[in-house]
Amino acid sequence: MRSAEPAGSRIGPEPERVALHARDVQFDWSGLPVHWIPGEPFATHVLDVLHLLLPEGERWFVRLFSEALPLIRDPRLAEDVRGFIGQEAMHAASHQGVLDHFAARGLDTSPYVDQVEWMFRRALDDRGLTGRRAQEWLVERIALTAAVEHITAYLGQWVLDARALDTAGVHPVMLDLLRWHGAEEVEHRAVAHDLFAHLDGRYLRRARAMLPAAPILFGLWVRGVRFLLAHDPVPAKPRLRDWARAARRGLTPGIVGLTRAVLTYLRPGYHPSQYGSTSTAVAYLATSPAARAAEARSAG
């Protein structure tokens, strides 16, 4: 049974359904400082890992869900999946823009990004399977996507609620990118789950997919922080207490919160509508400078 009270801040009644669509956002990184959370290199790099990790994963989502579209028998779900595909493609392009900015200032992220690319393009590719085996592998990867999307929805709700980022003086363009992306993650948080339920839906398969997803993501995140700190103008070694300190100050997601989110996902009756606030996401998208500019361009 779906809860009527999703976790996360709410600013109004939860809409029954939103029509998912890609917003052709644009961001100008010419004035972005290395430490765009002023005086906080560690917190900056914890969040910068998202730019290194997400683009290839989101391109993989696009390929995977495009492959699944012919199997969908529900027109409404098919519409949601198309909206999801469009949004994820835009997310990949937007974070790639930050990577391109890093490259322009002399930071070569390929040693890390190439490993992420290998995982999504080789370890998680279609393996050349056919028939029933191909469909089973497709469903398995959709279950994995549903697990990852639960974590990204948690992160999306976190950044929408993180008032400390405002008081810390975060670079406004970066803050808009993070909140625009976070809002769309919350907006489409149920699509992967609903697609898995449509094609299979077995609880044990859904829960099992989280077992590799959470530790792999955490491991990649830690490696990404290490990589970025090692290439900082003032190199430093990452320490777990630095992450705990940044989380207590509200500048990064916390390990405890992420762990609770993972445990929430393992409940047999879990549905993404129980977690996060669509009303908060929609409200931010109505005020986001990049999203409003995109809407104005499309209207013109």
C-alpha atoms as a PDB file:
ATOM      1  CA  MET A   1       0.000   0.000   0.000  1.00  0.00           C
ATOM      2  CA  ARG A   2       1.373   3.420  -0.934  1.00  0.00           C
ATOM      3  CA  SER A   3       1.878   5.994   1.771  1.00  0.00           C
ATOM      4  CA  ALA A   4       0.138   9.343   1.455  1.00  0.00           C
ATOM      5  CA  GLU A   5       2.949  11.071   3.347  1.00  0.00           C
ATOM      6  CA  PRO A   6       6.233  10.930   1.426  1.00  0.00           C
ATOM      7  CA  ALA A   7       9.454  11.581   3.287  1.00  0.00           C
ATOM      8  CA  GLY A   8      11.129  14.916   2.653  1.00  0.00           C
ATOM      9  CA  SER A   9       9.883  18.478   2.912  1.00  0.00           C
ATOM     10  CA  ARG A  10       6.531  19.279   1.352  1.00  0.00           C
ATOM     11  CA  ILE A  11       5.272  22.682   0.306  1.00  0.00           C
ATOM     12  CA  GLY A  12       1.820  21.643  -0.877  1.00  0.00           C
ATOM     13  CA  PRO A  13      -0.404  18.715  -1.812  1.00  0.00           C
ATOM     14  CA  GLU A  14       1.312  15.935  -3.714  1.00  0.00           C
ATOM     15  CA  PRO A  15       0.243  15.883  -7.392  1.00  0.00           C
ATOM     16  CA  GLU A  16      -1.287  12.601  -8.496  1.00  0.00           C
ATOM     17  CA  ARG A  17       0.960  12.469 -11.551  1.00  0.00           C
ATOM     18  CA  VAL A  18       3.269  14.767 -13.479  1.00  0.00           C
ATOM     19  CA  ALA A  19       3.992  14.577 -17.186  1.00  0.00           C
ATOM     20  CA  LEU A  20       7.705  13.920 -17.453  1.00  0.00           C
ATOM     21  CA  HIS A  21       9.581  15.875 -20.090  1.00  0.00           C
ATOM     22  CA  ALA A  22      13.173  16.877 -20.759  1.00  0.00           C
ATOM     23  CA  ARG A  23      14.116  20.508 -20.177  1.00  0.00           C
ATOM     24  CA  ASP A  24      16.772  21.774 -22.565  1.00  0.00           C
ATOM     25  CA  VAL A  25      18.800  23.511 -19.873  1.00  0.00           C
ATOM     26  CA  GLN A  26      22.077  25.356 -20.401  1.00  0.00           C
ATOM     27  CA  PHE A  27      24.727  26.307 -17.855  1.00  0.00           C
ATOM     28  CA  ASP A  28      27.640  28.746 -18.081  1.00  0.00           C
ATOM     29  CA  TRP A  29      30.692  27.426 -16.213  1.00  0.00           C
ATOM     30  CA  SER A  30      33.101  30.206 -17.162  1.00  0.00           C
ATOM     31  CA  GLY A  31      33.029  31.720 -13.665  1.00  0.00           C
ATOM     32  CA  LEU A  32      33.051  28.484 -11.659  1.00  0.00           C
ATOM     33  CA  PRO A  33      35.831  28.427  -9.024  1.00  0.00           C
ATOM     34  CA  VAL A  34      37.634  25.206  -8.121  1.00  0.00           C
ATOM     35  CA  HIS A  35      36.078  25.257  -4.648  1.00  0.00           C
ATOM     36  CA  TRP A  36      32.546  26.330  -5.479  1.00  0.00           C
ATOM     37  CA  ILE A  37      31.531  25.818  -1.852  1.00  0.00           C
ATOM     38  CA  PRO A  38      33.701  28.640  -0.490  1.00  0.00           C
ATOM     39  CA  GLY A  39      36.384  27.426   1.894  1.00  0.00           C
ATOM     40  CA  GLU A  40      35.162  23.829   1.653  1.00  0.00           C
ATOM     41  CA  PRO A  41      37.373  21.789  -0.693  1.00  0.00           C
ATOM     42  CA  PHE A  42      36.319  18.451   0.784  1.00  0.00           C
ATOM     43  CA  ALA A  43      32.564  19.125   0.537  1.00  0.00           C
ATOM     44  CA  THR A  44      33.047  20.543  -2.968  1.00  0.00           C
ATOM     45  CA  HIS A  45      34.762  17.377  -4.140  1.00  0.00           C
ATOM     46  CA  VAL A  46      32.224  15.057  -2.503  1.00  0.00           C
ATOM     47  CA  LEU A  47      29.584  16.645  -4.716  1.00  0.00           C
ATOM     48  CA  ASP A  48      31.917  16.990  -7.711  1.00  0.00           C
ATOM     49  CA  VAL A  49      32.096  13.186  -7.894  1.00  0.00           C
ATOM     50  CA  LEU A  50      28.550  13.316  -9.303  1.00  0.00           C
ATOM     51  CA  HIS A  51      29.890  14.946 -12.479  1.00  0.00           C
ATOM     52  CA  LEU A  52      32.445  12.173 -12.936  1.00  0.00           C
ATOM     53  CA  LEU A  53      30.131   9.296 -12.097  1.00  0.00           C
ATOM     54  CA  LEU A  54      26.740  10.208 -13.508  1.00  0.00           C
ATOM     55  CA  PRO A  55      27.086  10.940 -17.258  1.00  0.00           C
ATOM     56  CA  GLU A  56      28.050   7.424 -18.325  1.00  0.00           C
ATOM     57  CA  GLY A  57      25.497   5.855 -15.996  1.00  0.00           C
ATOM     58  CA  GLU A  58      22.748   8.052 -17.345  1.00  0.00           C
ATOM     59  CA  ARG A  59      23.671   7.216 -20.936  1.00  0.00           C
ATOM     60  CA  TRP A  60      23.404   3.567 -19.908  1.00  0.00           C
ATOM     61  CA  PHE A  61      19.911   4.217 -18.495  1.00  0.00           C
ATOM     62  CA  VAL A  62      18.917   5.738 -21.830  1.00  0.00           C
ATOM     63  CA  ARG A  63      20.145   2.699 -23.796  1.00  0.00           C
ATOM     64  CA  LEU A  64      18.589   0.234 -21.366  1.00  0.00           C
ATOM     65  CA  PHE A  65      15.161   1.841 -21.180  1.00  0.00           C
ATOM     66  CA  SER A  66      15.055   2.346 -24.937  1.00  0.00           C
ATOM     67  CA  GLU A  67      15.643  -1.398 -25.241  1.00  0.00           C
ATOM     68  CA  ALA A  68      12.794  -2.063 -22.797  1.00  0.00           C
ATOM     69  CA  LEU A  69      10.226   0.189 -24.514  1.00  0.00           C
ATOM     70  CA  PRO A  70       8.924  -2.476 -26.970  1.00  0.00           C
ATOM     71  CA  LEU A  71       8.115  -4.756 -24.014  1.00  0.00           C
ATOM     72  CA  ILE A  72       5.850  -2.250 -22.272  1.00  0.00           C
ATOM     73  CA  ARG A  73       2.141  -3.009 -22.577  1.00  0.00           C
ATOM     74  CA  ASP A  74       0.866  -0.053 -20.538  1.00  0.00           C
ATOM     75  CA  PRO A  75       0.657   3.185 -22.618  1.00  0.00           C
ATOM     76  CA  ARG A  76       0.891   5.393 -19.527  1.00  0.00           C
ATOM     77  CA  LEU A  77       4.044   3.639 -18.320  1.00  0.00           C
ATOM     78  CA  ALA A  78       5.502   3.848 -21.830  1.00  0.00           C
ATOM     79  CA  GLU A  79       4.918   7.614 -21.756  1.00  0.00           C
ATOM     80  CA  ASP A  80       6.688   7.864 -18.394  1.00  0.00           C
ATOM     81  CA  VAL A  81       9.620   5.820 -19.695  1.00  0.00           C
ATOM     82  CA  ARG A  82       9.990   8.122 -22.708  1.00  0.00           C
ATOM     83  CA  GLY A  83       9.992  11.125 -20.377  1.00  0.00           C
ATOM     84  CA  PHE A  84      12.557   9.396 -18.162  1.00  0.00           C
ATOM     85  CA  ILE A  85      14.784   8.721 -21.183  1.00  0.00           C
ATOM     86  CA  GLY A  86      14.647  12.373 -22.228  1.00  0.00           C
ATOM     87  CA  GLN A  87      15.451  13.643 -18.755  1.00  0.00           C
ATOM     88  CA  GLU A  88      18.345  11.234 -18.229  1.00  0.00           C
ATOM     89  CA  ALA A  89      19.867  12.176 -21.580  1.00  0.00           C
ATOM     90  CA  MET A  90      19.758  15.841 -20.552  1.00  0.00           C
ATOM     91  CA  HIS A  91      21.314  15.042 -17.170  1.00  0.00           C
ATOM     92  CA  ALA A  92      24.218  13.269 -18.876  1.00  0.00           C
ATOM     93  CA  ALA A  93      24.816  16.214 -21.207  1.00  0.00           C
ATOM     94  CA  SER A  94      24.675  18.766 -18.388  1.00  0.00           C
ATOM     95  CA  HIS A  95      27.151  16.970 -16.136  1.00  0.00           C
ATOM     96  CA  GLN A  96      29.372  16.370 -19.167  1.00  0.00           C
ATOM     97  CA  GLY A  97      29.514  20.139 -19.499  1.00  0.00           C
ATOM     98  CA  VAL A  98      31.117  20.311 -16.044  1.00  0.00           C
ATOM     99  CA  LEU A  99      33.634  17.625 -17.061  1.00  0.00           C
ATOM    100  CA  ASP A 100      34.481  19.643 -20.153  1.00  0.00           C
ATOM    101  CA  HIS A 101      35.049  22.673 -17.918  1.00  0.00           C
ATOM    102  CA  PHE A 102      37.344  20.585 -15.707  1.00  0.00           C
ATOM    103  CA  ALA A 103      39.312  19.524 -18.789  1.00  0.00           C
ATOM    104  CA  ALA A 104      39.602  23.138 -19.971  1.00  0.00           C
ATOM    105  CA  ARG A 105      41.206  24.129 -16.679  1.00  0.00           C
ATOM    106  CA  GLY A 106      43.681  21.240 -16.940  1.00  0.00           C
ATOM    107  CA  LEU A 107      42.030  18.504 -14.854  1.00  0.00           C
ATOM    108  CA  ASP A 108      42.132  15.209 -16.756  1.00  0.00           C
ATOM    109  CA  THR A 109      39.341  13.072 -15.290  1.00  0.00           C
ATOM    110  CA  SER A 110      39.802  10.181 -17.737  1.00  0.00           C
ATOM    111  CA  PRO A 111      41.647   7.867 -15.278  1.00  0.00           C
ATOM    112  CA  TYR A 112      38.463   7.752 -13.191  1.00  0.00           C
ATOM    113  CA  VAL A 113      35.839   8.216 -15.894  1.00  0.00           C
ATOM    114  CA  ASP A 114      37.310   5.443 -18.066  1.00  0.00           C
ATOM    115  CA  GLN A 115      36.718   2.941 -15.255  1.00  0.00           C
ATOM    116  CA  VAL A 116      33.100   4.041 -14.931  1.00  0.00           C
ATOM    117  CA  GLU A 117      32.715   3.778 -18.700  1.00  0.00           C
ATOM    118  CA  TRP A 118      34.086   0.212 -18.643  1.00  0.00           C
ATOM    119  CA  MET A 119      31.544  -0.798 -16.016  1.00  0.00           C
ATOM    120  CA  PHE A 120      28.549   0.505 -17.939  1.00  0.00           C
ATOM    121  CA  ARG A 121      29.697  -0.298 -21.481  1.00  0.00           C
ATOM    122  CA  ARG A 122      31.301  -3.684 -20.856  1.00  0.00           C
ATOM    123  CA  ALA A 123      30.309  -5.269 -17.545  1.00  0.00           C
ATOM    124  CA  LEU A 124      26.677  -4.161 -17.862  1.00  0.00           C
ATOM    125  CA  ASP A 125      26.227  -4.300 -21.649  1.00  0.00           C
ATOM    126  CA  ASP A 126      23.753  -6.603 -23.416  1.00  0.00           C
ATOM    127  CA  ARG A 127      26.346  -9.432 -23.614  1.00  0.00           C
ATOM    128  CA  GLY A 128      25.117 -10.444 -27.070  1.00  0.00           C
ATOM    129  CA  LEU A 129      22.347 -12.575 -25.560  1.00  0.00           C
ATOM    130  CA  THR A 130      19.177 -13.490 -27.438  1.00  0.00           C
ATOM    131  CA  GLY A 131      15.689 -14.709 -26.647  1.00  0.00           C
ATOM    132  CA  ARG A 132      14.662 -15.442 -23.071  1.00  0.00           C
ATOM    133  CA  ARG A 133      18.186 -15.015 -21.708  1.00  0.00           C
ATOM    134  CA  ALA A 134      18.385 -11.532 -23.203  1.00  0.00           C
ATOM    135  CA  GLN A 135      15.070 -10.536 -21.609  1.00  0.00           C
ATOM    136  CA  GLU A 136      16.113 -11.917 -18.211  1.00  0.00           C
ATOM    137  CA  TRP A 137      19.357  -9.931 -18.335  1.00  0.00           C
ATOM    138  CA  LEU A 138      17.402  -6.841 -19.357  1.00  0.00           C
ATOM    139  CA  VAL A 139      15.048  -7.224 -16.385  1.00  0.00           C
ATOM    140  CA  GLU A 140      17.995  -7.819 -14.053  1.00  0.00           C
ATOM    141  CA  ARG A 141      19.558  -4.544 -15.167  1.00  0.00           C
ATOM    142  CA  ILE A 142      16.255  -2.711 -14.793  1.00  0.00           C
ATOM    143  CA  ALA A 143      16.070  -4.006 -11.212  1.00  0.00           C
ATOM    144  CA  LEU A 144      19.573  -2.607 -10.704  1.00  0.00           C
ATOM    145  CA  THR A 145      18.457   0.711 -12.182  1.00  0.00           C
ATOM    146  CA  ALA A 146      15.474   0.834  -9.813  1.00  0.00           C
ATOM    147  CA  ALA A 147      17.863   0.413  -6.877  1.00  0.00           C
ATOM    148  CA  VAL A 148      20.174   3.146  -8.154  1.00  0.00           C
ATOM    149  CA  GLU A 149      17.238   5.454  -8.855  1.00  0.00           C
ATOM    150  CA  HIS A 150      16.109   5.087  -5.251  1.00  0.00           C
ATOM    151  CA  ILE A 151      19.512   6.366  -4.131  1.00  0.00           C
ATOM    152  CA  THR A 152      19.522   9.228  -6.653  1.00  0.00           C
ATOM    153  CA  ALA A 153      15.998  10.197  -5.542  1.00  0.00           C
ATOM    154  CA  TYR A 154      17.275  10.345  -1.972  1.00  0.00           C
ATOM    155  CA  LEU A 155      20.139  12.569  -3.122  1.00  0.00           C
ATOM    156  CA  GLY A 156      17.713  14.702  -5.126  1.00  0.00           C
ATOM    157  CA  GLN A 157      15.485  15.283  -2.116  1.00  0.00           C
ATOM    158  CA  TRP A 158      18.535  15.993   0.019  1.00  0.00           C
ATOM    159  CA  VAL A 159      19.818  18.753  -2.256  1.00  0.00           C
ATOM    160  CA  LEU A 160      16.363  20.330  -2.515  1.00  0.00           C
ATOM    161  CA  ASP A 161      16.161  20.468   1.292  1.00  0.00           C
ATOM    162  CA  ALA A 162      19.819  21.440   1.963  1.00  0.00           C
ATOM    163  CA  ARG A 163      19.440  25.027   3.185  1.00  0.00           C
ATOM    164  CA  ALA A 164      23.058  24.995   4.388  1.00  0.00           C
ATOM    165  CA  LEU A 165      24.153  25.173   0.744  1.00  0.00           C
ATOM    166  CA  ASP A 166      22.421  28.538   0.442  1.00  0.00           C
ATOM    167  CA  THR A 167      23.989  29.996   3.576  1.00  0.00           C
ATOM    168  CA  ALA A 168      27.419  28.631   2.592  1.00  0.00           C
ATOM    169  CA  GLY A 169      27.430  30.784  -0.536  1.00  0.00           C
ATOM    170  CA  VAL A 170      27.549  27.957  -3.088  1.00  0.00           C
ATOM    171  CA  HIS A 171      28.170  29.137  -6.653  1.00  0.00           C
ATOM    172  CA  PRO A 172      24.629  29.832  -7.944  1.00  0.00           C
ATOM    173  CA  VAL A 173      25.015  28.103 -11.324  1.00  0.00           C
ATOM    174  CA  MET A 174      26.294  24.893  -9.707  1.00  0.00           C
ATOM    175  CA  LEU A 175      23.558  25.018  -7.082  1.00  0.00           C
ATOM    176  CA  ASP A 176      20.956  25.362  -9.825  1.00  0.00           C
ATOM    177  CA  LEU A 177      22.412  22.401 -11.730  1.00  0.00           C
ATOM    178  CA  LEU A 178      22.331  20.214  -8.630  1.00  0.00           C
ATOM    179  CA  ARG A 179      18.808  21.234  -7.653  1.00  0.00           C
ATOM    180  CA  TRP A 180      17.400  21.058 -11.186  1.00  0.00           C
ATOM    181  CA  HIS A 181      18.836  17.557 -11.534  1.00  0.00           C
ATOM    182  CA  GLY A 182      17.720  16.611  -8.026  1.00  0.00           C
ATOM    183  CA  ALA A 183      14.199  17.841  -8.682  1.00  0.00           C
ATOM    184  CA  GLU A 184      13.920  15.748 -11.843  1.00  0.00           C
ATOM    185  CA  GLU A 185      15.239  12.700  -9.965  1.00  0.00           C
ATOM    186  CA  VAL A 186      12.448  13.164  -7.445  1.00  0.00           C
ATOM    187  CA  GLU A 187       9.951  13.870 -10.231  1.00  0.00           C
ATOM    188  CA  HIS A 188      10.696  10.577 -12.042  1.00  0.00           C
ATOM    189  CA  ARG A 189      11.675   8.490  -9.001  1.00  0.00           C
ATOM    190  CA  ALA A 190       8.984   5.837  -9.561  1.00  0.00           C
ATOM    191  CA  VAL A 191       9.608   5.104 -13.254  1.00  0.00           C
ATOM    192  CA  ALA A 192      12.333   2.462 -12.928  1.00  0.00           C
ATOM    193  CA  HIS A 193      10.498   0.783 -10.048  1.00  0.00           C
ATOM    194  CA  ASP A 194       7.229   0.730 -11.976  1.00  0.00           C
ATOM    195  CA  LEU A 195       8.934  -0.604 -15.096  1.00  0.00           C
ATOM    196  CA  PHE A 196      10.494  -3.427 -13.097  1.00  0.00           C
ATOM    197  CA  ALA A 197       7.113  -4.195 -11.505  1.00  0.00           C
ATOM    198  CA  HIS A 198       5.552  -4.258 -14.973  1.00  0.00           C
ATOM    199  CA  LEU A 199       8.105  -6.683 -16.399  1.00  0.00           C
ATOM    200  CA  ASP A 200       8.745  -8.851 -13.337  1.00  0.00           C
ATOM    201  CA  GLY A 201       8.066  -7.382  -9.910  1.00  0.00           C
ATOM    202  CA  ARG A 202       9.459 -10.133  -7.667  1.00  0.00           C
ATOM    203  CA  TYR A 203      10.464  -8.714  -4.295  1.00  0.00           C
ATOM    204  CA  LEU A 204      13.558 -10.860  -3.844  1.00  0.00           C
ATOM    205  CA  ARG A 205      14.881  -9.808  -7.234  1.00  0.00           C
ATOM    206  CA  ARG A 206      14.256  -6.146  -6.468  1.00  0.00           C
ATOM    207  CA  ALA A 207      15.890  -6.351  -3.034  1.00  0.00           C
ATOM    208  CA  ARG A 208      18.808  -8.420  -4.328  1.00  0.00           C
ATOM    209  CA  ALA A 209      19.656  -5.709  -6.847  1.00  0.00           C
ATOM    210  CA  MET A 210      20.341  -3.236  -4.037  1.00  0.00           C
ATOM    211  CA  LEU A 211      23.000  -5.511  -2.536  1.00  0.00           C
ATOM    212  CA  PRO A 212      25.601  -4.733  -5.242  1.00  0.00           C
ATOM    213  CA  ALA A 213      24.212  -1.273  -6.133  1.00  0.00           C
ATOM    214  CA  ALA A 214      24.755   0.431  -2.777  1.00  0.00           C
ATOM    215  CA  PRO A 215      28.334  -0.720  -2.030  1.00  0.00           C
ATOM    216  CA  ILE A 216      29.474  -0.212  -5.642  1.00  0.00           C
ATOM    217  CA  LEU A 217      28.124   3.345  -5.686  1.00  0.00           C
ATOM    218  CA  PHE A 218      29.654   4.090  -2.299  1.00  0.00           C
ATOM    219  CA  GLY A 219      33.000   2.642  -3.384  1.00  0.00           C
ATOM    220  CA  LEU A 220      33.003   4.666  -6.601  1.00  0.00           C
ATOM    221  CA  TRP A 221      32.094   7.792  -4.666  1.00  0.00           C
ATOM    222  CA  VAL A 222      34.975   7.328  -2.215  1.00  0.00           C
ATOM    223  CA  ARG A 223      37.405   6.669  -5.073  1.00  0.00           C
ATOM    224  CA  GLY A 224      36.139   9.774  -6.837  1.00  0.00           C
ATOM    225  CA  VAL A 225      36.716  11.950  -3.765  1.00  0.00           C
ATOM    226  CA  ARG A 226      40.237  10.547  -3.445  1.00  0.00           C
ATOM    227  CA  PHE A 227      40.910  11.268  -7.113  1.00  0.00           C
ATOM    228  CA  LEU A 228      39.682  14.859  -6.923  1.00  0.00           C
ATOM    229  CA  LEU A 229      41.490  15.642  -3.677  1.00  0.00           C
ATOM    230  CA  ALA A 230      44.730  14.265  -5.133  1.00  0.00           C
ATOM    231  CA  HIS A 231      44.376  16.683  -8.078  1.00  0.00           C
ATOM    232  CA  ASP A 232      43.324  19.688  -5.996  1.00  0.00           C
ATOM    233  CA  PRO A 233      45.664  22.706  -6.058  1.00  0.00           C
ATOM    234  CA  VAL A 234      46.258  21.859  -2.363  1.00  0.00           C
ATOM    235  CA  PRO A 235      46.211  18.029  -2.375  1.00  0.00           C
ATOM    236  CA  ALA A 236      44.798  16.284   0.695  1.00  0.00           C
ATOM    237  CA  LYS A 237      43.885  12.793   1.811  1.00  0.00           C
ATOM    238  CA  PRO A 238      40.205  12.028   2.346  1.00  0.00           C
ATOM    239  CA  ARG A 239      39.185  11.075   5.850  1.00  0.00           C
ATOM    240  CA  LEU A 240      35.873   9.635   6.959  1.00  0.00           C
ATOM    241  CA  ARG A 241      35.660  12.223   9.722  1.00  0.00           C
ATOM    242  CA  ASP A 242      35.851  14.969   7.093  1.00  0.00           C
ATOM    243  CA  TRP A 243      32.769  13.515   5.401  1.00  0.00           C
ATOM    244  CA  ALA A 244      30.982  13.225   8.767  1.00  0.00           C
ATOM    245  CA  ARG A 245      31.845  16.853   9.529  1.00  0.00           C
ATOM    246  CA  ALA A 246      30.579  18.085   6.169  1.00  0.00           C
ATOM    247  CA  ALA A 247      27.369  16.078   6.579  1.00  0.00           C
ATOM    248  CA  ARG A 248      26.748  17.462  10.087  1.00  0.00           C
ATOM    249  CA  ARG A 249      27.044  20.953   8.651  1.00  0.00           C
ATOM    250  CA  GLY A 250      24.504  20.038   5.948  1.00  0.00           C
ATOM    251  CA  LEU A 251      26.944  20.501   3.060  1.00  0.00           C
ATOM    252  CA  THR A 252      26.935  16.876   1.853  1.00  0.00           C
ATOM    253  CA  PRO A 253      24.658  13.871   2.215  1.00  0.00           C
ATOM    254  CA  GLY A 254      25.478  11.798   5.278  1.00  0.00           C
ATOM    255  CA  ILE A 255      26.392   8.131   5.448  1.00  0.00           C
ATOM    256  CA  VAL A 256      23.684   7.516   8.065  1.00  0.00           C
ATOM    257  CA  GLY A 257      21.006   9.060   5.872  1.00  0.00           C
ATOM    258  CA  LEU A 258      22.122   7.074   2.851  1.00  0.00           C
ATOM    259  CA  THR A 259      22.094   3.861   4.894  1.00  0.00           C
ATOM    260  CA  ARG A 260      18.563   4.549   6.108  1.00  0.00           C
ATOM    261  CA  ALA A 261      17.467   5.168   2.535  1.00  0.00           C
ATOM    262  CA  VAL A 262      18.869   1.811   1.449  1.00  0.00           C
ATOM    263  CA  LEU A 263      17.081   0.047   4.322  1.00  0.00           C
ATOM    264  CA  THR A 264      13.825   1.764   3.363  1.00  0.00           C
ATOM    265  CA  TYR A 265      14.132   0.305  -0.116  1.00  0.00           C
ATOM    266  CA  LEU A 266      14.353  -3.221   1.299  1.00  0.00           C
ATOM    267  CA  ARG A 267      10.862  -3.086   2.811  1.00  0.00           C
ATOM    268  CA  PRO A 268       8.604  -5.577   0.943  1.00  0.00           C
ATOM    269  CA  GLY A 269       5.820  -3.019   0.440  1.00  0.00           C
ATOM    270  CA  TYR A 270       8.066  -0.162  -0.591  1.00  0.00           C
ATOM    271  CA  HIS A 271       7.098   2.141  -3.453  1.00  0.00           C
ATOM    272  CA  PRO A 272       8.987   5.319  -4.459  1.00  0.00           C
ATOM    273  CA  SER A 273       5.884   7.444  -3.900  1.00  0.00           C
ATOM    274  CA  GLN A 274       6.533   6.905  -0.173  1.00  0.00           C
ATOM    275  CA  TYR A 275       9.883   8.682  -0.372  1.00  0.00           C
ATOM    276  CA  GLY A 276      10.557  12.230  -1.489  1.00  0.00           C
ATOM    277  CA  SER A 277       8.235  15.124  -2.291  1.00  0.00           C
ATOM    278  CA  THR A 278       6.985  15.729  -5.818  1.00  0.00           C
ATOM    279  CA  SER A 279       5.471  19.054  -4.740  1.00  0.00           C
ATOM    280  CA  THR A 280       8.897  20.322  -3.650  1.00  0.00           C
ATOM    281  CA  ALA A 281      10.477  19.132  -6.893  1.00  0.00           C
ATOM    282  CA  VAL A 282       7.824  20.741  -9.085  1.00  0.00           C
ATOM    283  CA  ALA A 283       8.055  23.996  -7.130  1.00  0.00           C
ATOM    284  CA  TYR A 284      11.812  24.192  -7.635  1.00  0.00           C
ATOM    285  CA  LEU A 285      11.533  23.433 -11.338  1.00  0.00           C
ATOM    286  CA  ALA A 286       9.111  26.365 -11.621  1.00  0.00           C
ATOM    287  CA  THR A 287      11.762  28.722 -10.200  1.00  0.00           C
ATOM    288  CA  SER A 288      15.046  27.199 -11.425  1.00  0.00           C
ATOM    289  CA  PRO A 289      16.860  29.784 -13.588  1.00  0.00           C
ATOM    290  CA  ALA A 290      18.037  27.118 -16.045  1.00  0.00           C
ATOM    291  CA  ALA A 291      14.647  25.388 -16.260  1.00  0.00           C
ATOM    292  CA  ARG A 292      12.788  28.689 -16.707  1.00  0.00           C
ATOM    293  CA  ALA A 293      15.195  29.759 -19.460  1.00  0.00           C
ATOM    294  CA  ALA A 294      14.692  26.398 -21.166  1.00  0.00           C
ATOM    295  CA  GLU A 295      10.912  26.758 -21.002  1.00  0.00           C
ATOM    296  CA  ALA A 296      11.148  30.295 -22.417  1.00  0.00           C
ATOM    297  CA  ARG A 297      13.288  29.080 -25.331  1.00  0.00           C
ATOM    298  CA  SER A 298      10.873  26.253 -26.108  1.00  0.00           C
ATOM    299  CA  ALA A 299       7.875  28.608 -25.919  1.00  0.00           C
ATOM    300  CA  GLY A 300       9.574  31.101 -28.244  1.00  0.00           C
END
